[in-house]
Amino acid sequence: MEKSYFVHPTSIVDDNVEIGEGTKVWHFSHIMSGAKIGKNCSFGQNVNVGNNAIIGDNCRVQNNVSIYEGIELGNNVFCGPSMVFTNDPFPRADSDKGKEFWKKTIIGDGSSICANATIVCGHNLGKRAMVAAGAVVTKDVLDHALVAGVPARRIGWVCDCGTKLDNDLKCPYCGKEFRKTDSGLTEK
């Protein structure tokens, strides 16, 4: 039976994996058992998708990213090169504690995590959030929030198109207007 997705010959896909139609897995990557990957995703070189990780449709995962068990990416999520997820808040090489201590992390639809950023486990990103390059996320991020720094703090808001909104919550690029909500921003 012909596959409806592409896996480069240097990559490994374990048994018991779901990969959606049109997805591409490039050089030296590893998709581990139990992983669920949506349609039309792209995984760059040296990507590891851990056991039971869940990835939505149309996600772009750049080179050198590991998506561990307990991480869930919504649809249309961008993971920049060498960004980092964690799943154990207090790791030790010689510990015998089990997975019950791991913390789940959910990345909302349309969010972007730029190069070399770190998402500390247990902290979720809202829809269309953007994490700047090199930022370290240590608390939840609201919908459409733009966060930067160590630790990451909100420095503005971003449009669906990725442009920083002006002070009136209007996009100078595409003209969309937003309003504040309890979960962040929503389009007017």
C-alpha atoms as a PDB file:
ATOM      1  CA  MET A   1       0.000   0.000   0.000  1.00  0.00           C
ATOM      2  CA  GLU A   2       1.398   3.392  -0.999  1.00  0.00           C
ATOM      3  CA  LYS A   3       1.867   5.939   1.788  1.00  0.00           C
ATOM      4  CA  SER A   4       0.041   9.259   1.562  1.00  0.00           C
ATOM      5  CA  TYR A   5       2.951  11.019   3.296  1.00  0.00           C
ATOM      6  CA  PHE A   6       6.717  11.293   2.707  1.00  0.00           C
ATOM      7  CA  VAL A   7       9.496  10.040   4.994  1.00  0.00           C
ATOM      8  CA  HIS A   8      13.115  10.594   3.967  1.00  0.00           C
ATOM      9  CA  PRO A   9      15.110   7.325   3.897  1.00  0.00           C
ATOM     10  CA  THR A  10      17.402   8.546   6.711  1.00  0.00           C
ATOM     11  CA  SER A  11      14.453   8.965   9.094  1.00  0.00           C
ATOM     12  CA  ILE A  12      12.857   6.366  11.357  1.00  0.00           C
ATOM     13  CA  VAL A  13       9.130   5.913  11.924  1.00  0.00           C
ATOM     14  CA  ASP A  14       8.255   3.411  14.667  1.00  0.00           C
ATOM     15  CA  ASP A  15       5.227   1.112  14.599  1.00  0.00           C
ATOM     16  CA  ASN A  16       1.867   2.359  15.886  1.00  0.00           C
ATOM     17  CA  VAL A  17       2.206   5.900  14.487  1.00  0.00           C
ATOM     18  CA  GLU A  18      -0.465   7.971  12.736  1.00  0.00           C
ATOM     19  CA  ILE A  19       0.765  10.352  10.033  1.00  0.00           C
ATOM     20  CA  GLY A  20      -1.681  12.431   8.008  1.00  0.00           C
ATOM     21  CA  GLU A  21      -1.843  12.820   4.257  1.00  0.00           C
ATOM     22  CA  GLY A  22       0.651  15.221   2.694  1.00  0.00           C
ATOM     23  CA  THR A  23       2.977  15.325   5.715  1.00  0.00           C
ATOM     24  CA  LYS A  24       6.742  15.367   5.035  1.00  0.00           C
ATOM     25  CA  VAL A  25       9.396  14.043   7.432  1.00  0.00           C
ATOM     26  CA  TRP A  26      12.873  15.115   6.328  1.00  0.00           C
ATOM     27  CA  HIS A  27      16.451  13.960   7.081  1.00  0.00           C
ATOM     28  CA  PHE A  28      17.523  12.158  10.272  1.00  0.00           C
ATOM     29  CA  SER A  29      14.211  12.512  12.118  1.00  0.00           C
ATOM     30  CA  HIS A  30      12.509  10.005  14.418  1.00  0.00           C
ATOM     31  CA  ILE A  31       8.759   9.586  14.922  1.00  0.00           C
ATOM     32  CA  MET A  32       8.204   7.402  17.987  1.00  0.00           C
ATOM     33  CA  SER A  33       5.456   4.907  18.802  1.00  0.00           C
ATOM     34  CA  GLY A  34       2.029   6.305  19.601  1.00  0.00           C
ATOM     35  CA  ALA A  35       2.663   9.700  17.981  1.00  0.00           C
ATOM     36  CA  LYS A  36      -0.300  11.233  16.144  1.00  0.00           C
ATOM     37  CA  ILE A  37       0.513  13.698  13.373  1.00  0.00           C
ATOM     38  CA  GLY A  38      -2.035  15.561  11.280  1.00  0.00           C
ATOM     39  CA  LYS A  39      -2.210  16.371   7.589  1.00  0.00           C
ATOM     40  CA  ASN A  40       0.189  18.562   5.597  1.00  0.00           C
ATOM     41  CA  CYS A  41       2.816  18.933   8.330  1.00  0.00           C
ATOM     42  CA  SER A  42       6.514  19.452   7.679  1.00  0.00           C
ATOM     43  CA  PHE A  43       9.322  18.206   9.930  1.00  0.00           C
ATOM     44  CA  GLY A  44      12.818  19.506   9.210  1.00  0.00           C
ATOM     45  CA  GLN A  45      16.116  17.781   9.759  1.00  0.00           C
ATOM     46  CA  ASN A  46      16.842  16.096  13.107  1.00  0.00           C
ATOM     47  CA  VAL A  47      13.336  16.357  14.579  1.00  0.00           C
ATOM     48  CA  ASN A  48      12.215  13.917  17.268  1.00  0.00           C
ATOM     49  CA  VAL A  49       8.507  13.364  17.903  1.00  0.00           C
ATOM     50  CA  GLY A  50       8.194  11.469  21.184  1.00  0.00           C
ATOM     51  CA  ASN A  51       5.910   8.639  22.195  1.00  0.00           C
ATOM     52  CA  ASN A  52       2.246   9.669  22.219  1.00  0.00           C
ATOM     53  CA  ALA A  53       2.918  13.301  21.213  1.00  0.00           C
ATOM     54  CA  ILE A  54      -0.022  14.892  19.381  1.00  0.00           C
ATOM     55  CA  ILE A  55       0.446  17.262  16.449  1.00  0.00           C
ATOM     56  CA  GLY A  56      -2.390  18.926  14.530  1.00  0.00           C
ATOM     57  CA  ASP A  57      -2.731  19.704  10.822  1.00  0.00           C
ATOM     58  CA  ASN A  58      -0.478  22.085   8.859  1.00  0.00           C
ATOM     59  CA  CYS A  59       2.246  22.337  11.519  1.00  0.00           C
ATOM     60  CA  ARG A  60       5.794  23.385  10.597  1.00  0.00           C
ATOM     61  CA  VAL A  61       8.528  22.009  12.828  1.00  0.00           C
ATOM     62  CA  GLN A  62      11.962  23.309  11.884  1.00  0.00           C
ATOM     63  CA  ASN A  63      15.362  21.618  12.348  1.00  0.00           C
ATOM     64  CA  ASN A  64      16.557  20.271  15.712  1.00  0.00           C
ATOM     65  CA  VAL A  65      13.255  20.277  17.620  1.00  0.00           C
ATOM     66  CA  SER A  66      12.122  17.541  20.028  1.00  0.00           C
ATOM     67  CA  ILE A  67       8.425  17.237  20.798  1.00  0.00           C
ATOM     68  CA  TYR A  68       8.184  15.055  23.892  1.00  0.00           C
ATOM     69  CA  GLU A  69       5.377  12.945  25.294  1.00  0.00           C
ATOM     70  CA  GLY A  70       2.830  15.254  26.920  1.00  0.00           C
ATOM     71  CA  ILE A  71       3.184  17.977  24.278  1.00  0.00           C
ATOM     72  CA  GLU A  72       0.157  18.766  22.096  1.00  0.00           C
ATOM     73  CA  LEU A  73       0.383  21.110  19.115  1.00  0.00           C
ATOM     74  CA  GLY A  74      -2.855  22.504  17.707  1.00  0.00           C
ATOM     75  CA  ASN A  75      -3.329  23.177  13.996  1.00  0.00           C
ATOM     76  CA  ASN A  76      -1.047  25.566  12.079  1.00  0.00           C
ATOM     77  CA  VAL A  77       1.644  25.735  14.784  1.00  0.00           C
ATOM     78  CA  PHE A  78       5.148  26.916  13.847  1.00  0.00           C
ATOM     79  CA  CYS A  79       8.133  25.635  15.843  1.00  0.00           C
ATOM     80  CA  GLY A  80      11.306  27.512  14.916  1.00  0.00           C
ATOM     81  CA  PRO A  81      14.734  25.950  14.603  1.00  0.00           C
ATOM     82  CA  SER A  82      16.223  24.558  17.810  1.00  0.00           C
ATOM     83  CA  MET A  83      13.352  25.658  20.044  1.00  0.00           C
ATOM     84  CA  VAL A  84      12.895  23.475  23.143  1.00  0.00           C
ATOM     85  CA  PHE A  85       9.975  21.775  24.865  1.00  0.00           C
ATOM     86  CA  THR A  86      10.321  20.115  28.266  1.00  0.00           C
ATOM     87  CA  ASN A  87       8.039  17.614  29.996  1.00  0.00           C
ATOM     88  CA  ASP A  88       9.688  16.991  33.392  1.00  0.00           C
ATOM     89  CA  PRO A  89       9.794  20.021  35.702  1.00  0.00           C
ATOM     90  CA  PHE A  90      12.513  18.516  37.939  1.00  0.00           C
ATOM     91  CA  PRO A  91      14.603  16.100  35.852  1.00  0.00           C
ATOM     92  CA  ARG A  92      17.313  13.901  37.334  1.00  0.00           C
ATOM     93  CA  ALA A  93      19.399  11.334  35.479  1.00  0.00           C
ATOM     94  CA  ASP A  94      19.257   8.918  38.408  1.00  0.00           C
ATOM     95  CA  SER A  95      15.611   9.393  39.375  1.00  0.00           C
ATOM     96  CA  ASP A  96      13.127   6.538  39.298  1.00  0.00           C
ATOM     97  CA  LYS A  97      10.060   8.782  39.385  1.00  0.00           C
ATOM     98  CA  GLY A  98       7.597   8.003  36.636  1.00  0.00           C
ATOM     99  CA  LYS A  99       5.672   9.796  33.942  1.00  0.00           C
ATOM    100  CA  GLU A 100       3.035  10.824  36.486  1.00  0.00           C
ATOM    101  CA  PHE A 101       5.347  13.727  37.386  1.00  0.00           C
ATOM    102  CA  TRP A 102       5.528  14.978  33.799  1.00  0.00           C
ATOM    103  CA  LYS A 103       3.478  18.059  32.946  1.00  0.00           C
ATOM    104  CA  LYS A 104       1.331  18.409  29.844  1.00  0.00           C
ATOM    105  CA  THR A 105       1.803  21.425  27.570  1.00  0.00           C
ATOM    106  CA  ILE A 106      -0.753  22.555  24.969  1.00  0.00           C
ATOM    107  CA  ILE A 107       0.156  24.905  22.124  1.00  0.00           C
ATOM    108  CA  GLY A 108      -2.899  26.688  20.703  1.00  0.00           C
ATOM    109  CA  ASP A 109      -3.896  26.804  17.047  1.00  0.00           C
ATOM    110  CA  GLY A 110      -1.825  29.160  14.909  1.00  0.00           C
ATOM    111  CA  SER A 111       0.847  29.869  17.530  1.00  0.00           C
ATOM    112  CA  SER A 112       4.478  30.508  16.604  1.00  0.00           C
ATOM    113  CA  ILE A 113       7.510  29.667  18.705  1.00  0.00           C
ATOM    114  CA  CYS A 114      10.606  31.293  17.235  1.00  0.00           C
ATOM    115  CA  ALA A 115      14.190  29.997  17.099  1.00  0.00           C
ATOM    116  CA  ASN A 116      15.893  28.905  20.325  1.00  0.00           C
ATOM    117  CA  ALA A 117      12.888  29.665  22.555  1.00  0.00           C
ATOM    118  CA  THR A 118      12.112  27.332  25.465  1.00  0.00           C
ATOM    119  CA  ILE A 119       8.654  26.313  26.665  1.00  0.00           C
ATOM    120  CA  VAL A 120       8.859  25.070  30.259  1.00  0.00           C
ATOM    121  CA  CYS A 121       6.382  22.217  30.709  1.00  0.00           C
ATOM    122  CA  GLY A 122       2.936  22.880  32.125  1.00  0.00           C
ATOM    123  CA  HIS A 123       2.671  26.326  30.540  1.00  0.00           C
ATOM    124  CA  ASN A 124       0.241  26.589  27.634  1.00  0.00           C
ATOM    125  CA  LEU A 125       0.171  28.957  24.668  1.00  0.00           C
ATOM    126  CA  GLY A 126      -3.146  30.457  23.596  1.00  0.00           C
ATOM    127  CA  LYS A 127      -4.326  30.664  20.013  1.00  0.00           C
ATOM    128  CA  ARG A 128      -2.164  32.746  17.661  1.00  0.00           C
ATOM    129  CA  ALA A 129       0.382  33.552  20.399  1.00  0.00           C
ATOM    130  CA  MET A 130       3.953  34.347  19.383  1.00  0.00           C
ATOM    131  CA  VAL A 131       7.070  33.546  21.409  1.00  0.00           C
ATOM    132  CA  ALA A 132      10.101  35.612  20.349  1.00  0.00           C
ATOM    133  CA  ALA A 133      13.457  34.030  19.552  1.00  0.00           C
ATOM    134  CA  GLY A 134      15.365  33.021  22.670  1.00  0.00           C
ATOM    135  CA  ALA A 135      12.463  33.618  25.071  1.00  0.00           C
ATOM    136  CA  VAL A 136      11.850  31.281  28.021  1.00  0.00           C
ATOM    137  CA  VAL A 137       8.144  30.723  28.731  1.00  0.00           C
ATOM    138  CA  THR A 138       7.519  30.114  32.453  1.00  0.00           C
ATOM    139  CA  LYS A 139       3.787  30.912  32.586  1.00  0.00           C
ATOM    140  CA  ASP A 140       0.737  30.601  30.336  1.00  0.00           C
ATOM    141  CA  VAL A 141       0.590  32.880  27.280  1.00  0.00           C
ATOM    142  CA  LEU A 142      -2.699  34.522  26.244  1.00  0.00           C
ATOM    143  CA  ASP A 143      -4.313  34.368  22.776  1.00  0.00           C
ATOM    144  CA  HIS A 144      -2.480  36.700  20.333  1.00  0.00           C
ATOM    145  CA  ALA A 145       0.107  37.709  22.967  1.00  0.00           C
ATOM    146  CA  LEU A 146       3.649  38.506  21.850  1.00  0.00           C
ATOM    147  CA  VAL A 147       6.122  37.453  24.541  1.00  0.00           C
ATOM    148  CA  ALA A 148       9.898  37.941  24.733  1.00  0.00           C
ATOM    149  CA  GLY A 149      12.744  37.744  27.223  1.00  0.00           C
ATOM    150  CA  VAL A 150      13.938  35.541  30.057  1.00  0.00           C
ATOM    151  CA  PRO A 151      11.544  34.928  31.633  1.00  0.00           C
ATOM    152  CA  ALA A 152       9.117  35.719  28.815  1.00  0.00           C
ATOM    153  CA  ARG A 153       6.803  38.680  29.358  1.00  0.00           C
ATOM    154  CA  ARG A 154       4.108  40.135  27.110  1.00  0.00           C
ATOM    155  CA  ILE A 155       5.543  42.983  25.042  1.00  0.00           C
ATOM    156  CA  GLY A 156       2.574  43.417  22.726  1.00  0.00           C
ATOM    157  CA  TRP A 157      -0.088  41.662  20.700  1.00  0.00           C
ATOM    158  CA  VAL A 158       0.065  40.052  17.252  1.00  0.00           C
ATOM    159  CA  CYS A 159      -2.400  39.716  14.406  1.00  0.00           C
ATOM    160  CA  ASP A 160      -3.351  36.476  12.670  1.00  0.00           C
ATOM    161  CA  CYS A 161      -0.856  37.503   9.970  1.00  0.00           C
ATOM    162  CA  GLY A 162       1.963  37.753  12.545  1.00  0.00           C
ATOM    163  CA  THR A 163       2.311  41.549  12.521  1.00  0.00           C
ATOM    164  CA  LYS A 164       2.547  43.392  15.845  1.00  0.00           C
ATOM    165  CA  LEU A 165      -0.674  45.314  16.550  1.00  0.00           C
ATOM    166  CA  ASP A 166      -0.688  49.055  17.205  1.00  0.00           C
ATOM    167  CA  ASN A 167      -1.911  50.616  20.475  1.00  0.00           C
ATOM    168  CA  ASP A 168      -5.511  50.571  19.183  1.00  0.00           C
ATOM    169  CA  LEU A 169      -5.218  46.783  18.607  1.00  0.00           C
ATOM    170  CA  LYS A 170      -5.334  47.246  14.837  1.00  0.00           C
ATOM    171  CA  CYS A 171      -2.979  45.539  12.415  1.00  0.00           C
ATOM    172  CA  PRO A 172      -0.938  48.039  10.375  1.00  0.00           C
ATOM    173  CA  TYR A 173      -0.397  45.377   7.702  1.00  0.00           C
ATOM    174  CA  CYS A 174      -3.783  43.766   7.002  1.00  0.00           C
ATOM    175  CA  GLY A 175      -6.146  46.108   8.864  1.00  0.00           C
ATOM    176  CA  LYS A 176      -7.794  43.546  11.179  1.00  0.00           C
ATOM    177  CA  GLU A 177      -9.045  44.959  14.471  1.00  0.00           C
ATOM    178  CA  PHE A 178      -9.116  43.155  17.805  1.00  0.00           C
ATOM    179  CA  ARG A 179     -10.616  43.530  21.280  1.00  0.00           C
ATOM    180  CA  LYS A 180      -9.480  42.262  24.672  1.00  0.00           C
ATOM    181  CA  THR A 181     -11.068  39.200  26.280  1.00  0.00           C
ATOM    182  CA  ASP A 182     -10.310  37.151  29.378  1.00  0.00           C
ATOM    183  CA  SER A 183      -8.234  34.765  27.256  1.00  0.00           C
ATOM    184  CA  GLY A 184      -6.316  37.524  25.408  1.00  0.00           C
ATOM    185  CA  LEU A 185      -7.565  39.051  22.169  1.00  0.00           C
ATOM    186  CA  THR A 186     -10.243  38.184  19.637  1.00  0.00           C
ATOM    187  CA  GLU A 187     -11.039  39.754  16.278  1.00  0.00           C
ATOM    188  CA  LYS A 188     -13.769  42.439  16.335  1.00  0.00           C
END
